Amino acid sequence: MPVVTLPEVRLSFPQYFRTNLRLLFKKQPTLWFILLPALSGLTVLYVLLTGQASLAQLWATSKVGLFMAAFVVGWPVLLWFSMRKQYRRATVLQAPTRYAVSETGLAVQNELVQEELSWPAVQEAWHIGAWLVLMTGSASGYFLDLRRVQSPADAAGLLSLVRAGGVTIK
């Protein structure tokens, strides 16, 4: 039975932020439609920053546009702090972790956790860039860095092992 190992996988906060944000928009593509009104906020910010209109003029003519401009500036900041809080709570993601993937499941080992999961415990899997995110719950999962696959195996072999375990990779 082949086993693919990924030693010393560590997820930095910028990697977590990018991967989680991409996962969010892949899982809920309707969020793109929510961002469409933000274009009006970008327009208002452009008008304000280039001096084409003052804040008082925009307040008088485009209160909704100013609200959207505040959204354009505020939402990424709030999202950043929210994900930063999540990342700090998930100390398991920050520790160097060794993953072993086989036909029967996934073994996870680091200084905080040592567990084995069978494939039915994995509810969904997402391939995002160089990362494979194995979700075991609505807000919990494992981040496998496909660049860390040890020779002679490769990322394609790992993905086929996960698929052989009955997990659909999206």
N, C-alpha and C. Protein backbone atom coordinates (compact mmCIF):
# COMPACT_ATOMS: atom_id res chain seq x y z
N MET A 1 0.85 -1.17 0.00
CA MET A 1 0.00 0.00 0.00
C MET A 1 0.90 1.25 0.00
N PRO A 2 0.77 2.12 -1.01
CA PRO A 2 1.63 3.30 -1.08
C PRO A 2 1.25 4.34 -0.02
N VAL A 3 2.27 4.97 0.52
CA VAL A 3 2.08 6.05 1.49
C VAL A 3 2.87 7.25 0.99
N VAL A 4 2.20 8.40 0.91
CA VAL A 4 2.85 9.64 0.50
C VAL A 4 3.01 10.49 1.75
N THR A 5 4.24 10.93 2.00
CA THR A 5 4.49 11.75 3.19
C THR A 5 4.79 13.19 2.81
N LEU A 6 4.36 14.07 3.68
CA LEU A 6 4.63 15.51 3.54
C LEU A 6 5.23 15.96 4.87
N PRO A 7 6.55 16.06 4.96
CA PRO A 7 7.16 16.45 6.23
C PRO A 7 7.21 17.97 6.40
N GLU A 8 7.22 18.39 7.65
CA GLU A 8 7.45 19.80 7.98
C GLU A 8 6.54 20.79 7.25
N VAL A 9 5.25 20.47 7.17
CA VAL A 9 4.30 21.40 6.56
C VAL A 9 3.94 22.45 7.60
N ARG A 10 4.16 23.69 7.26
CA ARG A 10 3.85 24.80 8.15
C ARG A 10 3.12 25.85 7.33
N LEU A 11 2.05 26.36 7.86
CA LEU A 11 1.21 27.33 7.16
C LEU A 11 1.40 28.70 7.78
N SER A 12 1.96 29.63 7.02
CA SER A 12 2.14 31.00 7.53
C SER A 12 0.81 31.75 7.42
N PHE A 13 0.70 32.87 8.12
CA PHE A 13 -0.56 33.61 8.06
C PHE A 13 -0.86 34.13 6.66
N PRO A 14 0.09 34.69 5.90
CA PRO A 14 -0.25 35.13 4.53
C PRO A 14 -0.74 33.97 3.65
N GLN A 15 -0.14 32.78 3.80
CA GLN A 15 -0.61 31.62 3.05
C GLN A 15 -2.02 31.24 3.49
N TYR A 16 -2.26 31.26 4.78
CA TYR A 16 -3.59 30.94 5.32
C TYR A 16 -4.62 31.93 4.80
N PHE A 17 -4.29 33.21 4.82
CA PHE A 17 -5.22 34.25 4.38
C PHE A 17 -5.58 34.06 2.90
N ARG A 18 -4.55 33.92 2.05
CA ARG A 18 -4.80 33.76 0.61
C ARG A 18 -5.59 32.50 0.31
N THR A 19 -5.19 31.39 0.91
CA THR A 19 -5.86 30.11 0.64
C THR A 19 -7.28 30.13 1.17
N ASN A 20 -7.49 30.66 2.35
CA ASN A 20 -8.83 30.73 2.94
C ASN A 20 -9.74 31.66 2.14
N LEU A 21 -9.20 32.78 1.67
CA LEU A 21 -10.00 33.71 0.87
C LEU A 21 -10.41 33.07 -0.45
N ARG A 22 -9.47 32.39 -1.10
CA ARG A 22 -9.80 31.70 -2.34
C ARG A 22 -10.82 30.59 -2.09
N LEU A 23 -10.67 29.88 -0.98
CA LEU A 23 -11.62 28.83 -0.62
C LEU A 23 -13.00 29.42 -0.39
N LEU A 24 -13.07 30.55 0.29
CA LEU A 24 -14.34 31.21 0.56
C LEU A 24 -15.07 31.55 -0.74
N PHE A 25 -14.35 32.12 -1.70
CA PHE A 25 -14.99 32.51 -2.96
C PHE A 25 -15.28 31.31 -3.85
N LYS A 26 -14.53 30.22 -3.70
CA LYS A 26 -14.84 29.01 -4.46
C LYS A 26 -16.08 28.31 -3.90
N LYS A 27 -16.19 28.29 -2.57
CA LYS A 27 -17.32 27.62 -1.94
C LYS A 27 -18.61 28.43 -2.09
N GLN A 28 -18.49 29.75 -2.12
CA GLN A 28 -19.67 30.62 -2.22
C GLN A 28 -19.46 31.64 -3.34
N PRO A 29 -19.63 31.20 -4.60
CA PRO A 29 -19.38 32.11 -5.72
C PRO A 29 -20.32 33.30 -5.77
N THR A 30 -21.43 33.25 -5.04
CA THR A 30 -22.34 34.40 -5.03
C THR A 30 -21.72 35.62 -4.35
N LEU A 31 -20.65 35.41 -3.60
CA LEU A 31 -19.97 36.55 -2.97
C LEU A 31 -19.42 37.52 -4.00
N TRP A 32 -19.12 37.02 -5.20
CA TRP A 32 -18.64 37.91 -6.27
C TRP A 32 -19.70 38.96 -6.59
N PHE A 33 -20.98 38.57 -6.54
CA PHE A 33 -22.06 39.52 -6.83
C PHE A 33 -22.18 40.58 -5.74
N ILE A 34 -21.84 40.21 -4.53
CA ILE A 34 -21.87 41.18 -3.44
C ILE A 34 -20.79 42.24 -3.66
N LEU A 35 -19.69 41.84 -4.27
CA LEU A 35 -18.60 42.79 -4.50
C LEU A 35 -18.86 43.74 -5.67
N LEU A 36 -19.82 43.42 -6.53
CA LEU A 36 -20.10 44.30 -7.67
C LEU A 36 -20.48 45.72 -7.25
N PRO A 37 -21.35 45.91 -6.25
CA PRO A 37 -21.64 47.28 -5.83
C PRO A 37 -20.42 48.02 -5.29
N ALA A 38 -19.42 47.27 -4.88
CA ALA A 38 -18.20 47.92 -4.38
C ALA A 38 -17.50 48.71 -5.47
N LEU A 39 -17.79 48.41 -6.73
CA LEU A 39 -17.20 49.19 -7.82
C LEU A 39 -17.60 50.66 -7.72
N SER A 40 -18.85 50.91 -7.30
CA SER A 40 -19.26 52.31 -7.12
C SER A 40 -18.44 52.96 -5.99
N GLY A 41 -18.12 52.18 -4.98
CA GLY A 41 -17.28 52.69 -3.90
C GLY A 41 -15.87 53.02 -4.39
N LEU A 42 -15.35 52.18 -5.28
CA LEU A 42 -14.03 52.47 -5.86
C LEU A 42 -14.06 53.75 -6.68
N THR A 43 -15.16 53.95 -7.40
CA THR A 43 -15.32 55.17 -8.20
C THR A 43 -15.34 56.39 -7.29
N VAL A 44 -16.09 56.32 -6.20
CA VAL A 44 -16.16 57.44 -5.26
C VAL A 44 -14.79 57.69 -4.63
N LEU A 45 -14.07 56.64 -4.27
CA LEU A 45 -12.72 56.81 -3.73
C LEU A 45 -11.80 57.49 -4.74
N TYR A 46 -11.90 57.09 -5.99
CA TYR A 46 -11.09 57.70 -7.04
C TYR A 46 -11.41 59.19 -7.17
N VAL A 47 -12.71 59.52 -7.19
CA VAL A 47 -13.13 60.93 -7.31
C VAL A 47 -12.63 61.73 -6.10
N LEU A 48 -12.72 61.15 -4.93
CA LEU A 48 -12.29 61.83 -3.71
C LEU A 48 -10.77 62.01 -3.67
N LEU A 49 -10.04 60.97 -3.99
CA LEU A 49 -8.58 61.02 -3.90
C LEU A 49 -7.93 61.86 -5.00
N THR A 50 -8.58 61.97 -6.14
CA THR A 50 -8.01 62.79 -7.22
C THR A 50 -8.44 64.24 -7.12
N GLY A 51 -9.28 64.57 -6.14
CA GLY A 51 -9.69 65.96 -5.92
C GLY A 51 -10.77 66.46 -6.85
N GLN A 52 -11.45 65.56 -7.53
CA GLN A 52 -12.53 65.97 -8.43
C GLN A 52 -13.75 66.46 -7.66
N ALA A 53 -13.87 66.03 -6.41
CA ALA A 53 -14.98 66.48 -5.55
C ALA A 53 -14.51 66.40 -4.11
N SER A 54 -15.08 67.25 -3.27
CA SER A 54 -14.74 67.23 -1.85
C SER A 54 -15.65 66.24 -1.12
N LEU A 55 -15.28 65.96 0.10
CA LEU A 55 -16.09 65.05 0.92
C LEU A 55 -17.49 65.63 1.13
N ALA A 56 -17.59 66.93 1.35
CA ALA A 56 -18.90 67.58 1.55
C ALA A 56 -19.75 67.47 0.29
N GLN A 57 -19.14 67.65 -0.88
CA GLN A 57 -19.90 67.52 -2.13
C GLN A 57 -20.39 66.09 -2.32
N LEU A 58 -19.52 65.14 -2.04
CA LEU A 58 -19.93 63.74 -2.19
C LEU A 58 -21.01 63.37 -1.17
N TRP A 59 -20.92 63.93 0.04
CA TRP A 59 -21.95 63.67 1.05
C TRP A 59 -23.31 64.19 0.57
N ALA A 60 -23.30 65.33 -0.08
CA ALA A 60 -24.54 65.92 -0.57
C ALA A 60 -25.11 65.16 -1.76
N THR A 61 -24.24 64.61 -2.60
CA THR A 61 -24.72 64.01 -3.85
C THR A 61 -24.72 62.49 -3.86
N SER A 62 -23.88 61.86 -3.05
CA SER A 62 -23.73 60.41 -3.17
C SER A 62 -23.44 59.75 -1.82
N LYS A 63 -24.44 59.74 -0.96
CA LYS A 63 -24.27 59.10 0.36
C LYS A 63 -24.05 57.60 0.21
N VAL A 64 -24.78 56.99 -0.72
CA VAL A 64 -24.62 55.55 -0.94
C VAL A 64 -23.21 55.25 -1.45
N GLY A 65 -22.72 56.09 -2.34
CA GLY A 65 -21.36 55.92 -2.86
C GLY A 65 -20.32 56.02 -1.75
N LEU A 66 -20.52 56.96 -0.82
CA LEU A 66 -19.60 57.08 0.32
C LEU A 66 -19.66 55.84 1.22
N PHE A 67 -20.88 55.33 1.41
CA PHE A 67 -21.03 54.10 2.18
C PHE A 67 -20.27 52.95 1.50
N MET A 68 -20.40 52.86 0.18
CA MET A 68 -19.70 51.80 -0.54
C MET A 68 -18.18 52.01 -0.49
N ALA A 69 -17.74 53.27 -0.50
CA ALA A 69 -16.31 53.56 -0.37
C ALA A 69 -15.80 53.09 1.00
N ALA A 70 -16.60 53.33 2.04
CA ALA A 70 -16.23 52.86 3.38
C ALA A 70 -16.18 51.33 3.40
N PHE A 71 -17.10 50.69 2.68
CA PHE A 71 -17.12 49.23 2.58
C PHE A 71 -15.85 48.73 1.88
N VAL A 72 -15.47 49.40 0.79
CA VAL A 72 -14.28 49.00 0.03
C VAL A 72 -13.04 49.08 0.91
N VAL A 73 -12.97 50.08 1.76
CA VAL A 73 -11.81 50.24 2.64
C VAL A 73 -11.93 49.35 3.87
N GLY A 74 -13.12 49.27 4.44
CA GLY A 74 -13.31 48.58 5.72
C GLY A 74 -13.39 47.07 5.65
N TRP A 75 -14.02 46.53 4.61
CA TRP A 75 -14.22 45.09 4.54
C TRP A 75 -12.91 44.31 4.52
N PRO A 76 -11.94 44.69 3.68
CA PRO A 76 -10.68 43.93 3.72
C PRO A 76 -9.97 44.01 5.08
N VAL A 77 -10.07 45.15 5.73
CA VAL A 77 -9.43 45.31 7.04
C VAL A 77 -10.11 44.39 8.06
N LEU A 78 -11.43 44.39 8.08
CA LEU A 78 -12.17 43.52 9.01
C LEU A 78 -11.90 42.05 8.71
N LEU A 79 -11.86 41.71 7.42
CA LEU A 79 -11.58 40.34 7.02
C LEU A 79 -10.19 39.91 7.46
N TRP A 80 -9.22 40.80 7.29
CA TRP A 80 -7.84 40.53 7.71
C TRP A 80 -7.78 40.22 9.20
N PHE A 81 -8.40 41.08 10.03
CA PHE A 81 -8.36 40.87 11.47
C PHE A 81 -9.12 39.62 11.89
N SER A 82 -10.23 39.34 11.22
CA SER A 82 -11.01 38.14 11.53
C SER A 82 -10.20 36.88 11.24
N MET A 83 -9.58 36.83 10.07
CA MET A 83 -8.78 35.65 9.73
C MET A 83 -7.53 35.55 10.59
N ARG A 84 -6.98 36.69 10.98
CA ARG A 84 -5.81 36.69 11.87
C ARG A 84 -6.18 36.05 13.21
N LYS A 85 -7.36 36.38 13.71
CA LYS A 85 -7.85 35.81 14.97
C LYS A 85 -8.05 34.29 14.83
N GLN A 86 -8.64 33.86 13.71
CA GLN A 86 -8.82 32.43 13.45
C GLN A 86 -7.48 31.71 13.42
N TYR A 87 -6.53 32.31 12.71
CA TYR A 87 -5.21 31.69 12.56
C TYR A 87 -4.51 31.56 13.92
N ARG A 88 -4.59 32.58 14.73
CA ARG A 88 -3.94 32.53 16.05
C ARG A 88 -4.56 31.46 16.95
N ARG A 89 -5.88 31.24 16.81
CA ARG A 89 -6.54 30.20 17.60
C ARG A 89 -6.18 28.80 17.12
N ALA A 90 -5.87 28.66 15.82
CA ALA A 90 -5.54 27.35 15.25
C ALA A 90 -4.04 27.10 15.35
N THR A 91 -3.58 26.85 16.56
CA THR A 91 -2.14 26.67 16.78
C THR A 91 -1.60 25.44 16.06
N VAL A 92 -2.47 24.48 15.76
CA VAL A 92 -2.04 23.28 15.04
C VAL A 92 -1.51 23.64 13.66
N LEU A 93 -2.10 24.65 13.02
CA LEU A 93 -1.66 25.05 11.68
C LEU A 93 -0.28 25.68 11.70
N GLN A 94 0.10 26.25 12.82
CA GLN A 94 1.37 26.98 12.90
C GLN A 94 2.56 26.07 13.22
N ALA A 95 2.29 24.92 13.79
CA ALA A 95 3.37 23.99 14.15
C ALA A 95 3.77 23.17 12.93
N PRO A 96 5.07 22.84 12.80
CA PRO A 96 5.48 21.97 11.69
C PRO A 96 4.80 20.61 11.83
N THR A 97 4.12 20.21 10.77
CA THR A 97 3.29 19.01 10.82
C THR A 97 3.74 18.02 9.75
N ARG A 98 3.70 16.75 10.10
CA ARG A 98 4.00 15.68 9.16
C ARG A 98 2.69 14.99 8.81
N TYR A 99 2.41 14.92 7.51
CA TYR A 99 1.22 14.24 7.03
C TYR A 99 1.65 12.97 6.30
N ALA A 100 0.91 11.89 6.50
CA ALA A 100 1.11 10.65 5.76
C ALA A 100 -0.24 10.28 5.15
N VAL A 101 -0.28 10.23 3.83
CA VAL A 101 -1.52 9.95 3.10
C VAL A 101 -1.42 8.56 2.51
N SER A 102 -2.45 7.74 2.78
CA SER A 102 -2.48 6.38 2.24
C SER A 102 -3.87 6.11 1.67
N GLU A 103 -4.06 4.89 1.18
CA GLU A 103 -5.37 4.52 0.63
C GLU A 103 -6.44 4.48 1.71
N THR A 104 -6.04 4.28 2.96
CA THR A 104 -7.02 4.16 4.04
C THR A 104 -7.35 5.48 4.71
N GLY A 105 -6.45 6.46 4.61
CA GLY A 105 -6.73 7.73 5.26
C GLY A 105 -5.52 8.62 5.41
N LEU A 106 -5.60 9.48 6.40
CA LEU A 106 -4.60 10.51 6.63
C LEU A 106 -4.09 10.41 8.06
N ALA A 107 -2.77 10.44 8.21
CA ALA A 107 -2.15 10.48 9.54
C ALA A 107 -1.53 11.86 9.72
N VAL A 108 -1.82 12.49 10.85
CA VAL A 108 -1.34 13.84 11.15
C VAL A 108 -0.50 13.76 12.42
N GLN A 109 0.70 14.35 12.36
CA GLN A 109 1.57 14.27 13.53
C GLN A 109 2.37 15.56 13.67
N ASN A 110 2.24 16.18 14.84
CA ASN A 110 3.10 17.30 15.23
C ASN A 110 3.17 17.33 16.75
N GLU A 111 3.76 18.38 17.31
CA GLU A 111 3.93 18.43 18.76
C GLU A 111 2.62 18.57 19.52
N LEU A 112 1.55 18.99 18.85
CA LEU A 112 0.26 19.20 19.51
C LEU A 112 -0.75 18.10 19.23
N VAL A 113 -0.63 17.46 18.07
CA VAL A 113 -1.65 16.51 17.61
C VAL A 113 -0.97 15.27 17.04
N GLN A 114 -1.58 14.13 17.32
CA GLN A 114 -1.18 12.89 16.66
C GLN A 114 -2.45 12.09 16.47
N GLU A 115 -2.92 12.05 15.22
CA GLU A 115 -4.19 11.36 14.96
C GLU A 115 -4.19 10.75 13.58
N GLU A 116 -5.09 9.80 13.42
CA GLU A 116 -5.30 9.17 12.12
C GLU A 116 -6.77 9.30 11.77
N LEU A 117 -7.02 9.67 10.53
CA LEU A 117 -8.38 9.83 10.04
C LEU A 117 -8.61 8.88 8.88
N SER A 118 -9.76 8.25 8.86
CA SER A 118 -10.12 7.46 7.67
C SER A 118 -10.77 8.41 6.67
N TRP A 119 -10.80 8.03 5.42
CA TRP A 119 -11.31 8.93 4.38
C TRP A 119 -12.77 9.35 4.58
N PRO A 120 -13.65 8.51 5.13
CA PRO A 120 -15.02 8.99 5.36
C PRO A 120 -15.11 10.19 6.31
N ALA A 121 -14.08 10.43 7.13
CA ALA A 121 -14.08 11.59 8.03
C ALA A 121 -13.85 12.89 7.27
N VAL A 122 -13.32 12.80 6.07
CA VAL A 122 -13.07 13.99 5.25
C VAL A 122 -14.34 14.29 4.46
N GLN A 123 -14.98 15.41 4.77
CA GLN A 123 -16.25 15.77 4.13
C GLN A 123 -16.07 16.33 2.73
N GLU A 124 -15.01 17.11 2.53
CA GLU A 124 -14.75 17.66 1.20
C GLU A 124 -13.28 18.03 1.10
N ALA A 125 -12.81 18.13 -0.14
CA ALA A 125 -11.41 18.49 -0.38
C ALA A 125 -11.36 19.54 -1.48
N TRP A 126 -10.49 20.50 -1.30
CA TRP A 126 -10.33 21.60 -2.26
C TRP A 126 -8.87 21.72 -2.64
N HIS A 127 -8.61 21.77 -3.94
CA HIS A 127 -7.25 21.98 -4.44
C HIS A 127 -7.14 23.45 -4.82
N ILE A 128 -6.38 24.19 -4.03
CA ILE A 128 -6.26 25.64 -4.22
C ILE A 128 -4.78 25.97 -4.34
N GLY A 129 -4.35 26.26 -5.55
CA GLY A 129 -2.94 26.57 -5.78
C GLY A 129 -2.08 25.38 -5.41
N ALA A 130 -1.10 25.60 -4.55
CA ALA A 130 -0.20 24.53 -4.11
C ALA A 130 -0.72 23.82 -2.87
N TRP A 131 -1.95 24.10 -2.47
CA TRP A 131 -2.49 23.55 -1.23
C TRP A 131 -3.67 22.63 -1.51
N LEU A 132 -3.75 21.57 -0.72
CA LEU A 132 -4.91 20.69 -0.72
C LEU A 132 -5.54 20.85 0.66
N VAL A 133 -6.77 21.33 0.70
CA VAL A 133 -7.47 21.57 1.96
C VAL A 133 -8.46 20.43 2.16
N LEU A 134 -8.25 19.64 3.19
CA LEU A 134 -9.14 18.53 3.52
C LEU A 134 -10.04 18.97 4.67
N MET A 135 -11.31 19.18 4.37
CA MET A 135 -12.26 19.68 5.37
C MET A 135 -12.88 18.50 6.12
N THR A 136 -12.76 18.53 7.45
CA THR A 136 -13.37 17.50 8.29
C THR A 136 -14.61 18.02 9.00
N GLY A 137 -14.89 19.29 8.85
CA GLY A 137 -16.07 19.93 9.42
C GLY A 137 -16.32 21.20 8.66
N SER A 138 -17.33 21.95 9.05
CA SER A 138 -17.66 23.17 8.32
C SER A 138 -16.58 24.23 8.47
N ALA A 139 -15.86 24.22 9.59
CA ALA A 139 -14.84 25.24 9.81
C ALA A 139 -13.50 24.64 10.26
N SER A 140 -13.30 23.35 10.00
CA SER A 140 -12.03 22.74 10.40
C SER A 140 -11.51 21.85 9.29
N GLY A 141 -10.21 21.83 9.19
CA GLY A 141 -9.62 21.02 8.14
C GLY A 141 -8.11 21.00 8.24
N TYR A 142 -7.50 20.33 7.28
CA TYR A 142 -6.06 20.20 7.22
C TYR A 142 -5.55 20.81 5.93
N PHE A 143 -4.46 21.55 6.02
CA PHE A 143 -3.86 22.21 4.87
C PHE A 143 -2.59 21.44 4.50
N LEU A 144 -2.62 20.75 3.36
CA LEU A 144 -1.48 19.99 2.90
C LEU A 144 -0.78 20.76 1.79
N ASP A 145 0.49 21.03 1.99
CA ASP A 145 1.29 21.76 0.99
C ASP A 145 1.82 20.74 -0.02
N LEU A 146 1.28 20.79 -1.23
CA LEU A 146 1.65 19.81 -2.26
C LEU A 146 3.10 19.96 -2.71
N ARG A 147 3.73 21.08 -2.40
CA ARG A 147 5.15 21.27 -2.74
C ARG A 147 6.05 20.48 -1.80
N ARG A 148 5.49 19.99 -0.69
CA ARG A 148 6.29 19.28 0.32
C ARG A 148 6.22 17.76 0.17
N VAL A 149 5.60 17.27 -0.90
CA VAL A 149 5.50 15.82 -1.11
C VAL A 149 6.91 15.26 -1.27
N GLN A 150 7.20 14.20 -0.49
CA GLN A 150 8.53 13.61 -0.51
C GLN A 150 8.69 12.65 -1.68
N SER A 151 9.87 12.68 -2.30
CA SER A 151 10.19 11.75 -3.39
C SER A 151 10.17 10.33 -2.86
N PRO A 152 9.86 9.37 -3.65
CA PRO A 152 9.63 9.34 -5.09
C PRO A 152 8.20 9.71 -5.49
N ALA A 153 7.35 9.99 -4.53
CA ALA A 153 5.96 10.35 -4.85
C ALA A 153 5.92 11.78 -5.38
N ASP A 154 4.77 12.14 -5.93
CA ASP A 154 4.56 13.51 -6.39
C ASP A 154 3.15 13.95 -6.04
N ALA A 155 2.83 15.21 -6.33
CA ALA A 155 1.52 15.76 -5.97
C ALA A 155 0.40 15.01 -6.68
N ALA A 156 0.61 14.62 -7.93
CA ALA A 156 -0.42 13.89 -8.67
C ALA A 156 -0.72 12.55 -8.00
N GLY A 157 0.32 11.88 -7.50
CA GLY A 157 0.13 10.62 -6.79
C GLY A 157 -0.66 10.81 -5.51
N LEU A 158 -0.38 11.89 -4.79
CA LEU A 158 -1.13 12.19 -3.57
C LEU A 158 -2.60 12.45 -3.88
N LEU A 159 -2.86 13.24 -4.92
CA LEU A 159 -4.24 13.54 -5.30
C LEU A 159 -4.98 12.27 -5.71
N SER A 160 -4.31 11.36 -6.41
CA SER A 160 -4.98 10.13 -6.80
C SER A 160 -5.24 9.22 -5.60
N LEU A 161 -4.37 9.25 -4.59
CA LEU A 161 -4.63 8.49 -3.36
C LEU A 161 -5.87 9.02 -2.64
N VAL A 162 -6.00 10.34 -2.60
CA VAL A 162 -7.17 10.95 -1.95
C VAL A 162 -8.44 10.57 -2.71
N ARG A 163 -8.38 10.64 -4.04
CA ARG A 163 -9.54 10.25 -4.86
C ARG A 163 -9.87 8.77 -4.68
N ALA A 164 -8.83 7.92 -4.58
CA ALA A 164 -9.05 6.49 -4.38
C ALA A 164 -9.73 6.22 -3.04
N GLY A 165 -9.55 7.12 -2.09
CA GLY A 165 -10.22 6.99 -0.80
C GLY A 165 -11.68 7.42 -0.83
N GLY A 166 -12.16 7.83 -2.01
CA GLY A 166 -13.56 8.21 -2.15
C GLY A 166 -13.85 9.68 -1.91
N VAL A 167 -12.81 10.49 -1.84
CA VAL A 167 -12.99 11.92 -1.59
C VAL A 167 -12.93 12.65 -2.93
N THR A 168 -13.95 13.46 -3.20
CA THR A 168 -13.97 14.27 -4.42
C THR A 168 -13.20 15.56 -4.18
N ILE A 169 -12.26 15.84 -5.07
CA ILE A 169 -11.46 17.06 -4.95
C ILE A 169 -12.06 18.10 -5.88
N LYS A 170 -12.40 19.23 -5.30
CA LYS A 170 -13.03 20.30 -6.08
C LYS A 170 -12.00 21.32 -6.49
